[in-house]
């Protein structure tokens, strides 16, 4: 970016709520159905039909608001947002305008200067439009109304982001949060999380916002970052060339990482908002809000502090475990059976993560029961099985059957040998096989001890206790 300018960015993230039915009727929200099969007279806006609010969608919106520290609006109502679009069957969208269900709040991100809070303007409820499909027919745009009426929350920031990197961090955190709360699957490829970016530039030191451009429907976190980077550079080039920035709506071409104009931007008053006459005011009681508040899971930030303070984990380990709710849940379950907290973190962030990745699984699909995982850790911590051997040979078998880890280790002959007589044989054979290295060690090249330990490990097929082997080697070599 040209150092004369700074970018100012506001984001609108639309999260499709994980309800089984739509916001104002019982039509299914299931993704992937044949076009125009999850529709009804209410979805299509037929005269005489009346909407009714989905209570679960209300609860999900409040969950997100509480997690973000928002003020919950106890009396709010829906408005009609009027505009014509081919996949908006009623000719208006039911949304919230003057009374969003959640006001203010923030989302914490990690920026170059450390952690900071991105300020939110609001979180409001609205229904989704349908989908226009332009690449099926050469002559016509096809319309699929299955998505019309699906419940969304729109999470709107203040103009409080100042780089594409910060925007990337913010969307990553929002996706993590909606998944953590189990209110949205966060799948951007299926459209259940979408982002619009409002981008402007101004001279450094200015306080007035520049003319903004909105880039619509960014469907991956990568695209959010790339679109904003391109738009900032494009706007700076325009200003430097003496041109005026047009307020417009643009789209992103992922094939070229560029944006292009699709229409001049409407102002809010162009939508002619007014309260929906078919929907009464939504009145939320204190007891209802308290019920939702008490049902909230522990949030990642609180868990990270807990893992550091109570279990002695590093910030890195704690943050890694809290990247995924299912992983944190597994950690919580296993520590009911072991106090080897650091060892468990090492297993989860190392061998277990590798095993799950190799088998295209995640922690929701892990097959090792918490008690068995604790037993495996105990085998290694007590010195009965070497860690690397347990990770390479014992863990895969443990994941495939329900036998006790000790029984598997015995069957596979993985238990470490601590009989000094047996160990001495392997040690002597290892030293005899490389006399020149023994000479080098005795002349001061003490780093060779690892080579000798490795040779004993190979001869014992991993069964030699490395601590005892090291002690025996040092005793023999230093004689």
Protein backbone atom coordinates (compact mmCIF):
# COMPACT_ATOMS: atom_id res chain seq x y z
CA UNK A 1 0.00 0.00 0.00
CA UNK A 2 1.14 3.55 -0.75
CA UNK A 3 2.41 4.93 2.58
CA UNK A 4 0.47 8.19 2.08
CA UNK A 5 -2.85 6.39 2.58
CA UNK A 6 -4.57 4.19 5.08
CA UNK A 7 -7.46 1.83 4.46
CA UNK A 8 -10.63 1.82 6.56
CA UNK A 9 -12.73 -1.34 6.34
CA UNK A 10 -16.08 -2.42 7.68
CA UNK A 11 -17.34 -5.97 7.25
CA UNK A 12 -20.82 -7.46 7.07
CA UNK A 13 -20.75 -11.20 7.73
CA UNK A 14 -23.91 -13.16 6.97
CA UNK A 15 -24.12 -16.41 8.94
CA UNK A 16 -26.81 -18.91 7.99
CA UNK A 17 -28.29 -20.22 11.24
CA UNK A 18 -28.27 -23.98 11.75
CA UNK A 19 -32.03 -24.37 12.13
CA UNK A 20 -33.89 -27.16 10.35
CA UNK A 21 -36.60 -24.81 9.08
CA UNK A 22 -36.75 -21.31 7.64
CA UNK A 23 -37.12 -18.05 9.55
CA UNK A 24 -40.85 -17.56 8.96
CA UNK A 25 -42.17 -20.96 7.87
CA UNK A 26 -41.58 -24.71 8.17
CA UNK A 27 -39.77 -25.22 4.85
CA UNK A 28 -36.55 -27.22 5.17
CA UNK A 29 -33.17 -25.47 5.14
CA UNK A 30 -31.26 -28.64 4.14
CA UNK A 31 -28.46 -27.85 1.68
CA UNK A 32 -28.14 -29.66 -1.64
CA UNK A 33 -31.78 -30.48 -2.44
CA UNK A 34 -33.09 -30.34 -6.01
CA UNK A 35 -33.86 -26.73 -7.05
CA UNK A 36 -37.15 -25.25 -5.90
CA UNK A 37 -38.21 -28.21 -3.75
CA UNK A 38 -37.90 -26.58 -0.30
CA UNK A 39 -40.51 -23.92 -0.98
CA UNK A 40 -44.11 -23.19 -0.02
CA UNK A 41 -46.67 -20.38 -0.46
CA UNK A 42 -45.05 -18.53 2.46
CA UNK A 43 -41.54 -18.73 0.96
CA UNK A 44 -42.97 -17.57 -2.37
CA UNK A 45 -44.84 -14.67 -0.76
CA UNK A 46 -48.31 -15.64 -1.98
CA UNK A 47 -51.10 -13.21 -0.99
CA UNK A 48 -52.84 -14.12 2.25
CA UNK A 49 -49.92 -16.05 3.75
CA UNK A 50 -48.65 -15.05 7.19
CA UNK A 51 -45.10 -15.47 8.53
CA UNK A 52 -44.36 -16.85 12.02
CA UNK A 53 -40.98 -16.41 13.69
CA UNK A 54 -38.64 -19.39 14.20
CA UNK A 55 -37.90 -19.37 17.95
CA UNK A 56 -34.62 -21.26 17.60
CA UNK A 57 -33.31 -18.58 15.22
CA UNK A 58 -34.06 -15.95 17.86
CA UNK A 59 -32.15 -17.95 20.49
CA UNK A 60 -29.18 -18.42 18.14
CA UNK A 61 -28.97 -14.69 17.40
CA UNK A 62 -29.01 -13.91 21.13
CA UNK A 63 -26.26 -16.52 21.73
CA UNK A 64 -24.01 -14.75 19.27
CA UNK A 65 -24.81 -11.38 20.78
CA UNK A 66 -24.00 -12.54 24.31
CA UNK A 67 -20.75 -14.17 23.13
CA UNK A 68 -19.72 -10.84 21.55
CA UNK A 69 -20.67 -8.75 24.58
CA UNK A 70 -23.56 -7.04 22.80
CA UNK A 71 -26.51 -5.27 24.40
CA UNK A 72 -29.60 -7.37 23.69
CA UNK A 73 -32.57 -5.31 22.51
CA UNK A 74 -35.50 -6.60 24.59
CA UNK A 75 -38.18 -5.10 22.36
CA UNK A 76 -37.46 -5.30 18.65
CA UNK A 77 -39.36 -5.87 15.44
CA UNK A 78 -38.89 -6.85 11.85
CA UNK A 79 -38.99 -4.48 8.90
CA UNK A 80 -39.56 -4.88 5.20
CA UNK A 81 -36.56 -3.95 3.08
CA UNK A 82 -37.94 -3.21 -0.37
CA UNK A 83 -35.95 -3.85 -3.51
CA UNK A 84 -36.43 -5.87 -6.66
CA UNK A 85 -34.20 -8.82 -7.36
CA UNK A 86 -35.14 -11.89 -9.41
CA UNK A 87 -34.44 -14.31 -6.55
CA UNK A 88 -36.40 -12.30 -3.96
CA UNK A 89 -39.89 -13.71 -4.52
CA UNK A 90 -41.86 -11.28 -2.29
CA UNK A 91 -40.23 -8.18 -3.75
CA UNK A 92 -38.98 -7.32 -0.25
CA UNK A 93 -36.76 -8.93 2.36
CA UNK A 94 -37.82 -9.25 6.00
CA UNK A 95 -34.94 -7.87 8.05
CA UNK A 96 -34.36 -5.63 11.07
CA UNK A 97 -33.64 -1.95 10.73
CA UNK A 98 -34.08 0.47 13.64
CA UNK A 99 -34.13 -2.24 16.32
CA UNK A 100 -31.50 -4.92 15.69
CA UNK A 101 -31.69 -7.72 18.23
CA UNK A 102 -28.03 -7.11 19.31
CA UNK A 103 -26.28 -3.72 19.56
CA UNK A 104 -22.59 -2.93 20.00
CA UNK A 105 -20.20 -5.58 21.18
CA UNK A 106 -16.81 -6.63 19.82
CA UNK A 107 -14.75 -9.49 18.42
CA UNK A 108 -11.14 -9.91 19.52
CA UNK A 109 -8.46 -10.45 16.88
CA UNK A 110 -4.68 -10.80 16.93
CA UNK A 111 -3.11 -7.94 15.00
CA UNK A 112 0.51 -7.02 14.42
CA UNK A 113 0.43 -5.01 17.65
CA UNK A 114 -1.06 -7.85 19.71
CA UNK A 115 -4.68 -8.55 20.58
CA UNK A 116 -7.31 -5.89 20.02
CA UNK A 117 -11.09 -5.66 19.87
CA UNK A 118 -12.93 -4.93 16.63
CA UNK A 119 -16.04 -2.92 17.48
CA UNK A 120 -19.41 -4.15 16.24
CA UNK A 121 -22.27 -1.90 15.24
CA UNK A 122 -25.00 -4.53 15.41
CA UNK A 123 -26.08 -8.10 14.86
CA UNK A 124 -29.51 -8.41 13.30
CA UNK A 125 -31.78 -11.16 12.02
CA UNK A 126 -33.02 -11.42 8.47
CA UNK A 127 -34.14 -13.93 5.88
CA UNK A 128 -31.93 -14.91 2.96
CA UNK A 129 -32.83 -14.40 -0.69
CA UNK A 130 -32.81 -17.21 -3.24
CA UNK A 131 -29.98 -17.92 -5.63
CA UNK A 132 -29.48 -16.72 -9.20
CA UNK A 133 -27.51 -19.22 -11.30
CA UNK A 134 -25.88 -17.81 -14.42
CA UNK A 135 -23.84 -20.73 -15.76
CA UNK A 136 -26.45 -23.43 -16.46
CA UNK A 137 -28.16 -21.90 -19.50
CA UNK A 138 -26.53 -19.71 -22.18
CA UNK A 139 -29.69 -17.64 -22.69
CA UNK A 140 -31.27 -17.38 -19.26
CA UNK A 141 -30.52 -16.88 -15.58
CA UNK A 142 -31.95 -19.75 -13.52
CA UNK A 143 -33.52 -19.16 -10.12
CA UNK A 144 -33.42 -21.58 -7.17
CA UNK A 145 -35.61 -20.40 -4.29
CA UNK A 146 -34.66 -23.17 -1.84
CA UNK A 147 -32.49 -20.73 0.10
CA UNK A 148 -35.13 -17.97 0.19
CA UNK A 149 -36.34 -17.46 3.75
CA UNK A 150 -33.36 -19.21 5.38
CA UNK A 151 -32.55 -17.48 8.71
CA UNK A 152 -29.42 -15.35 8.82
CA UNK A 153 -27.69 -13.16 11.31
CA UNK A 154 -25.81 -10.24 9.82
CA UNK A 155 -22.82 -9.27 11.96
CA UNK A 156 -21.89 -5.67 11.10
CA UNK A 157 -18.67 -4.05 12.29
CA UNK A 158 -17.95 -0.39 12.69
CA UNK A 159 -15.35 0.90 10.19
CA UNK A 160 -12.75 -0.49 12.59
CA UNK A 161 -10.45 -2.65 10.46
CA UNK A 162 -7.40 -1.18 8.78
CA UNK A 163 -5.85 -3.87 6.58
CA UNK A 164 -6.72 -6.95 4.58
CA UNK A 165 -4.79 -8.98 7.16
CA UNK A 166 -7.01 -7.69 9.99
CA UNK A 167 -10.12 -8.47 7.93
CA UNK A 168 -8.81 -12.01 7.39
CA UNK A 169 -8.22 -12.39 11.13
CA UNK A 170 -11.70 -11.06 11.93
CA UNK A 171 -13.59 -13.41 9.59
CA UNK A 172 -11.51 -16.32 10.89
CA UNK A 173 -12.54 -15.46 14.46
CA UNK A 174 -16.22 -15.02 13.54
CA UNK A 175 -16.28 -18.39 11.77
CA UNK A 176 -14.63 -20.02 14.78
CA UNK A 177 -17.16 -18.41 17.13
CA UNK A 178 -20.32 -19.41 15.23
CA UNK A 179 -19.01 -22.97 15.01
CA UNK A 180 -18.11 -22.96 18.70
CA UNK A 181 -21.65 -21.86 19.59
CA UNK A 182 -23.03 -24.48 17.19
CA UNK A 183 -25.29 -21.91 15.51
CA UNK A 184 -23.77 -22.09 12.00
CA UNK A 185 -21.52 -24.62 10.29
CA UNK A 186 -19.33 -21.80 8.90
CA UNK A 187 -19.04 -23.52 5.52
CA UNK A 188 -18.25 -20.65 3.17
CA UNK A 189 -18.12 -22.92 0.11
CA UNK A 190 -21.80 -23.84 0.62
CA UNK A 191 -22.72 -20.21 1.28
CA UNK A 192 -23.62 -20.63 4.95
CA UNK A 193 -21.09 -17.91 5.80
CA UNK A 194 -20.64 -14.98 3.41
CA UNK A 195 -18.93 -11.65 3.73
CA UNK A 196 -19.42 -8.19 2.22
CA UNK A 197 -16.52 -5.76 2.61
CA UNK A 198 -16.92 -1.97 2.70
CA UNK A 199 -13.57 -0.47 1.78
CA UNK A 200 -12.39 3.13 1.67
CA UNK A 201 -9.07 4.94 1.77
CA UNK A 202 -7.96 8.28 3.17
CA UNK A 203 -4.75 10.19 3.65
CA UNK A 204 -2.95 9.26 6.84
CA UNK A 205 -3.91 11.66 9.60
CA UNK A 206 -7.36 12.36 8.15
CA UNK A 207 -10.37 11.57 10.34
CA UNK A 208 -13.11 11.84 7.71
CA UNK A 209 -13.97 8.58 5.96
CA UNK A 210 -13.43 8.34 2.23
CA UNK A 211 -15.98 7.18 -0.35
CA UNK A 212 -16.65 3.52 0.27
CA UNK A 213 -16.98 0.67 -2.17
CA UNK A 214 -18.78 -2.55 -1.21
CA UNK A 215 -17.46 -5.88 -2.45
CA UNK A 216 -20.28 -8.43 -2.23
CA UNK A 217 -20.61 -12.13 -1.44
CA UNK A 218 -17.03 -13.11 -0.69
CA UNK A 219 -17.25 -16.86 -0.13
CA UNK A 220 -13.88 -17.76 1.36
CA UNK A 221 -11.52 -16.18 3.86
CA UNK A 222 -8.83 -16.10 1.18
CA UNK A 223 -11.16 -14.17 -1.12
CA UNK A 224 -11.92 -11.64 1.63
CA UNK A 225 -8.21 -10.90 1.95
CA UNK A 226 -7.50 -10.87 -1.80
CA UNK A 227 -10.52 -8.70 -2.67
CA UNK A 228 -9.65 -6.08 -0.06
CA UNK A 229 -5.99 -6.02 -1.09
CA UNK A 230 -6.98 -5.46 -4.72
CA UNK A 231 -9.58 -2.84 -3.87
CA UNK A 232 -7.18 -0.82 -1.71
CA UNK A 233 -4.58 -0.80 -4.50
CA UNK A 234 -7.23 0.06 -7.14
CA UNK A 235 -8.57 3.00 -5.12
CA UNK A 236 -5.09 4.39 -4.48
CA UNK A 237 -4.32 4.19 -8.21
CA UNK A 238 -7.58 6.03 -8.99
CA UNK A 239 -6.89 8.82 -6.51
CA UNK A 240 -3.27 9.17 -7.59
CA UNK A 241 -4.47 9.49 -11.20
CA UNK A 242 -6.75 12.36 -10.16
CA UNK A 243 -9.99 10.40 -10.46
CA UNK A 244 -12.92 10.39 -8.04
CA UNK A 245 -13.85 7.14 -6.27
CA UNK A 246 -17.38 6.10 -7.20
CA UNK A 247 -19.62 4.67 -4.49
CA UNK A 248 -20.58 1.38 -6.01
CA UNK A 249 -21.15 -2.32 -5.44
CA UNK A 250 -18.50 -4.61 -6.85
CA UNK A 251 -17.96 -8.35 -7.16
CA UNK A 252 -14.80 -10.44 -6.90
CA UNK A 253 -13.36 -12.63 -9.64
CA UNK A 254 -11.46 -15.42 -7.86
CA UNK A 255 -9.80 -16.54 -11.10
CA UNK A 256 -7.93 -13.23 -11.48
CA UNK A 257 -8.04 -11.91 -7.87
CA UNK A 258 -9.68 -8.71 -9.14
CA UNK A 259 -12.96 -6.89 -8.49
CA UNK A 260 -15.42 -5.44 -11.02
CA UNK A 261 -18.37 -3.04 -10.76
CA UNK A 262 -21.89 -4.47 -10.84
CA UNK A 263 -24.03 -1.44 -9.89
CA UNK A 264 -24.03 1.95 -8.22
CA UNK A 265 -24.50 1.56 -4.48
CA UNK A 266 -27.94 2.12 -2.99
CA UNK A 267 -28.32 4.23 0.14
CA UNK A 268 -30.33 2.90 3.10
CA UNK A 269 -33.27 5.19 2.28
CA UNK A 270 -33.53 3.59 -1.17
CA UNK A 271 -34.81 0.45 0.54
CA UNK A 272 -37.88 2.21 2.01
CA UNK A 273 -37.80 0.30 5.30
CA UNK A 274 -41.02 0.08 7.31
CA UNK A 275 -42.17 -2.27 10.12
CA UNK A 276 -43.59 -5.52 8.78
CA UNK A 277 -47.34 -5.34 9.49
CA UNK A 278 -47.68 -9.15 9.63
CA UNK A 279 -45.16 -9.65 12.45
CA UNK A 280 -45.76 -8.41 16.02
CA UNK A 281 -42.97 -6.90 18.10
CA UNK A 282 -40.52 -9.41 19.51
CA UNK A 283 -40.45 -9.00 23.32
CA UNK A 284 -37.67 -10.78 25.22
CA UNK A 285 -37.98 -11.38 28.96
CA UNK A 286 -35.09 -11.22 31.43
CA UNK A 287 -35.69 -14.86 32.41
CA UNK A 288 -35.49 -15.96 28.74
CA UNK A 289 -32.21 -14.11 28.24
CA UNK A 290 -30.81 -15.56 31.47
CA UNK A 291 -31.75 -19.06 30.34
CA UNK A 292 -29.78 -18.60 27.11
CA UNK A 293 -26.85 -17.00 28.96
CA UNK A 294 -26.59 -19.95 31.37
CA UNK A 295 -26.61 -22.43 28.47
CA UNK A 296 -23.65 -20.79 26.70
CA UNK A 297 -20.55 -22.99 26.48
CA UNK A 298 -17.25 -21.72 27.87
CA UNK A 299 -15.82 -19.52 25.14
CA UNK A 300 -12.32 -19.98 23.68
CA UNK A 301 -10.78 -16.93 25.39
CA UNK A 302 -11.89 -18.15 28.83
CA UNK A 303 -10.68 -21.70 28.13
CA UNK A 304 -7.26 -20.48 26.97
CA UNK A 305 -6.77 -18.65 30.28
CA UNK A 306 -8.04 -21.68 32.21
CA UNK A 307 -5.64 -24.04 30.43
CA UNK A 308 -2.72 -21.74 31.19
CA UNK A 309 -3.59 -21.01 34.82
CA UNK A 310 -5.01 -24.37 35.99
CA UNK A 311 -3.08 -26.83 33.82
CA UNK A 312 0.21 -25.01 33.24
CA UNK A 313 0.01 -25.08 29.45
CA UNK A 314 1.78 -22.50 27.30
CA UNK A 315 -0.27 -19.86 25.51
CA UNK A 316 0.54 -21.58 22.21
CA UNK A 317 -0.65 -25.02 23.36
CA UNK A 318 -3.79 -23.61 24.98
CA UNK A 319 -4.68 -21.55 21.90
CA UNK A 320 -4.10 -24.52 19.58
CA UNK A 321 -6.38 -26.76 21.65
CA UNK A 322 -9.08 -24.07 21.56
CA UNK A 323 -8.98 -23.62 17.79
CA UNK A 324 -11.64 -26.31 17.55
CA UNK A 325 -14.48 -26.91 20.01
CA UNK A 326 -14.39 -30.68 19.53
CA UNK A 327 -10.65 -30.74 20.31
CA UNK A 328 -11.16 -28.69 23.46
CA UNK A 329 -14.02 -31.00 24.41
CA UNK A 330 -11.79 -34.06 23.99
CA UNK A 331 -9.09 -32.45 26.14
CA UNK A 332 -11.68 -31.72 28.84
CA UNK A 333 -12.88 -35.34 28.74
CA UNK A 334 -9.40 -36.91 28.92
CA UNK A 335 -8.25 -34.77 31.87
CA UNK A 336 -11.02 -36.35 33.89
CA UNK A 337 -8.79 -39.46 33.85
CA UNK A 338 -5.22 -38.07 33.95
CA UNK A 339 -3.26 -35.17 35.40
CA UNK A 340 -0.56 -35.35 32.71
CA UNK A 341 -1.91 -32.18 31.08
CA UNK A 342 1.21 -31.21 29.13
CA UNK A 343 1.67 -34.78 27.88
CA UNK A 344 -1.95 -34.85 26.70
CA UNK A 345 -1.48 -31.54 24.87
CA UNK A 346 1.65 -32.93 23.20
CA UNK A 347 -0.26 -36.03 22.06
CA UNK A 348 -3.20 -34.01 20.75
CA UNK A 349 -1.13 -31.43 18.89
CA UNK A 350 1.30 -34.02 17.55
CA UNK A 351 0.54 -37.69 16.84
CA UNK A 352 -3.25 -37.55 17.23
CA UNK A 353 -3.61 -34.50 14.99
CA UNK A 354 -1.36 -36.15 12.40
CA UNK A 355 -3.39 -39.38 12.57
CA UNK A 356 -6.70 -37.54 12.14
CA UNK A 357 -5.34 -35.50 9.22
CA UNK A 358 -4.03 -38.61 7.46
CA UNK A 359 -7.45 -40.27 7.79
CA UNK A 360 -9.45 -37.12 6.86
CA UNK A 361 -11.10 -37.06 10.29
CA UNK A 362 -11.52 -34.51 13.05
CA UNK A 363 -12.00 -34.64 16.80
CA UNK A 364 -15.74 -35.18 16.41
CA UNK A 365 -14.87 -38.54 14.81
CA UNK A 366 -12.08 -39.68 17.13
CA UNK A 367 -12.55 -43.31 18.19
CA UNK A 368 -10.17 -43.45 21.17
CA UNK A 369 -12.25 -43.16 24.35
CA UNK A 370 -10.90 -40.68 26.94
CA UNK A 371 -10.12 -43.45 29.48
CA UNK A 372 -8.06 -45.36 26.90
CA UNK A 373 -6.20 -42.20 25.88
CA UNK A 374 -5.35 -41.57 29.54
CA UNK A 375 -4.12 -45.17 29.83
CA UNK A 376 -1.89 -44.71 26.77
CA UNK A 377 -0.38 -41.57 28.27
CA UNK A 378 0.27 -43.45 31.52
CA UNK A 379 2.11 -46.21 29.61
CA UNK A 380 4.49 -43.64 28.14
CA UNK A 381 4.85 -41.48 31.26
CA UNK A 382 5.70 -44.56 33.38
CA UNK A 383 8.38 -45.60 30.89
CA UNK A 384 6.67 -48.81 29.82
CA UNK A 385 6.47 -47.74 26.17
CA UNK A 386 8.65 -45.27 24.32
CA UNK A 387 6.76 -42.17 23.08
CA UNK A 388 7.83 -42.42 19.43
CA UNK A 389 7.06 -46.15 19.35
CA UNK A 390 3.66 -45.54 20.97
CA UNK A 391 2.88 -42.80 18.45
CA UNK A 392 3.96 -44.82 15.40
CA UNK A 393 2.77 -48.33 16.32
CA UNK A 394 0.37 -48.26 19.27
CA UNK A 395 -1.82 -45.24 18.43
CA UNK A 396 -3.06 -46.52 15.01
CA UNK A 397 -4.06 -49.88 16.52
CA UNK A 398 -5.69 -48.15 19.49
CA UNK A 399 -7.83 -46.12 17.09
CA UNK A 400 -9.09 -49.27 15.35
CA UNK A 401 -10.13 -51.50 18.27
CA UNK A 402 -11.31 -51.35 21.88
CA UNK A 403 -8.53 -53.30 23.59
CA UNK A 404 -6.66 -51.77 26.52
CA UNK A 405 -3.42 -50.00 25.51
CA UNK A 406 -1.35 -52.29 27.77
CA UNK A 407 -2.81 -55.42 26.16
CA UNK A 408 -2.05 -54.07 22.67
CA UNK A 409 1.50 -53.11 23.70
CA UNK A 410 2.10 -56.61 25.07
CA UNK A 411 0.66 -58.27 21.97
CA UNK A 412 2.86 -56.14 19.68
CA UNK A 413 5.88 -56.60 21.98
CA UNK A 414 6.28 -52.86 22.42
CA UNK A 415 6.92 -52.78 26.17
CA UNK A 416 10.31 -51.31 26.96
CA UNK A 417 12.95 -53.60 28.38
CA UNK A 418 14.39 -52.35 31.65
CA UNK A 419 16.32 -55.53 32.51
CA UNK A 420 19.89 -54.23 32.68
CA UNK A 421 21.32 -57.60 31.61
CA UNK A 422 19.35 -57.51 28.35
CA UNK A 423 20.12 -53.83 27.85
CA UNK A 424 23.85 -54.37 28.36
CA UNK A 425 23.92 -56.90 25.54
CA UNK A 426 22.42 -54.37 23.12
CA UNK A 427 24.68 -51.58 24.39
CA UNK A 428 27.85 -53.67 24.01
CA UNK A 429 26.82 -54.83 20.54
CA UNK A 430 26.13 -51.25 19.49
CA UNK A 431 29.51 -49.99 20.75
CA UNK A 432 31.36 -52.92 19.19
CA UNK A 433 29.81 -52.13 15.81
CA UNK A 434 31.33 -48.64 15.64
CA UNK A 435 34.74 -48.53 17.40
CA UNK A 436 35.85 -45.42 15.50
CA UNK A 437 32.87 -43.46 16.88
CA UNK A 438 33.67 -44.71 20.38
CA UNK A 439 37.17 -43.29 19.99
CA UNK A 440 35.80 -39.96 18.79
CA UNK A 441 33.40 -39.79 21.75
CA UNK A 442 36.19 -40.43 24.22
CA UNK A 443 38.24 -37.66 22.60
CA UNK A 444 35.49 -35.21 23.43
CA UNK A 445 32.79 -35.55 20.76
CA UNK A 446 30.03 -36.04 23.34
CA UNK A 447 27.23 -35.35 20.83
CA UNK A 448 27.70 -38.88 19.49
CA UNK A 449 25.74 -40.26 22.44
CA UNK A 450 22.56 -39.85 20.37
CA UNK A 451 24.03 -42.03 17.62
CA UNK A 452 24.73 -44.82 20.11
CA UNK A 453 21.25 -44.56 21.64
CA UNK A 454 19.75 -44.78 18.15
CA UNK A 455 21.79 -47.90 17.36
CA UNK A 456 20.61 -49.59 20.58
CA UNK A 457 17.04 -48.58 19.75
CA UNK A 458 17.39 -50.19 16.32
CA UNK A 459 18.87 -53.41 17.72
CA UNK A 460 16.16 -53.65 20.38
CA UNK A 461 13.41 -52.81 17.86
CA UNK A 462 12.41 -49.87 20.05
CA UNK A 463 12.03 -51.89 23.23
CA UNK A 464 15.06 -50.51 25.08
CA UNK A 465 14.30 -47.83 27.66
CA UNK A 466 16.22 -44.80 26.28
CA UNK A 467 16.90 -43.31 29.74
CA UNK A 468 18.47 -46.50 31.03
CA UNK A 469 20.31 -47.01 27.73
CA UNK A 470 21.80 -43.50 27.95
CA UNK A 471 22.94 -44.12 31.51
CA UNK A 472 24.54 -47.45 30.57
CA UNK A 473 26.25 -45.97 27.53
CA UNK A 474 27.70 -43.08 29.49
CA UNK A 475 28.96 -45.43 32.19
CA UNK A 476 30.71 -47.65 29.63
CA UNK A 477 32.06 -44.82 27.43
CA UNK A 478 33.38 -42.77 30.35
CA UNK A 479 35.23 -45.73 31.90
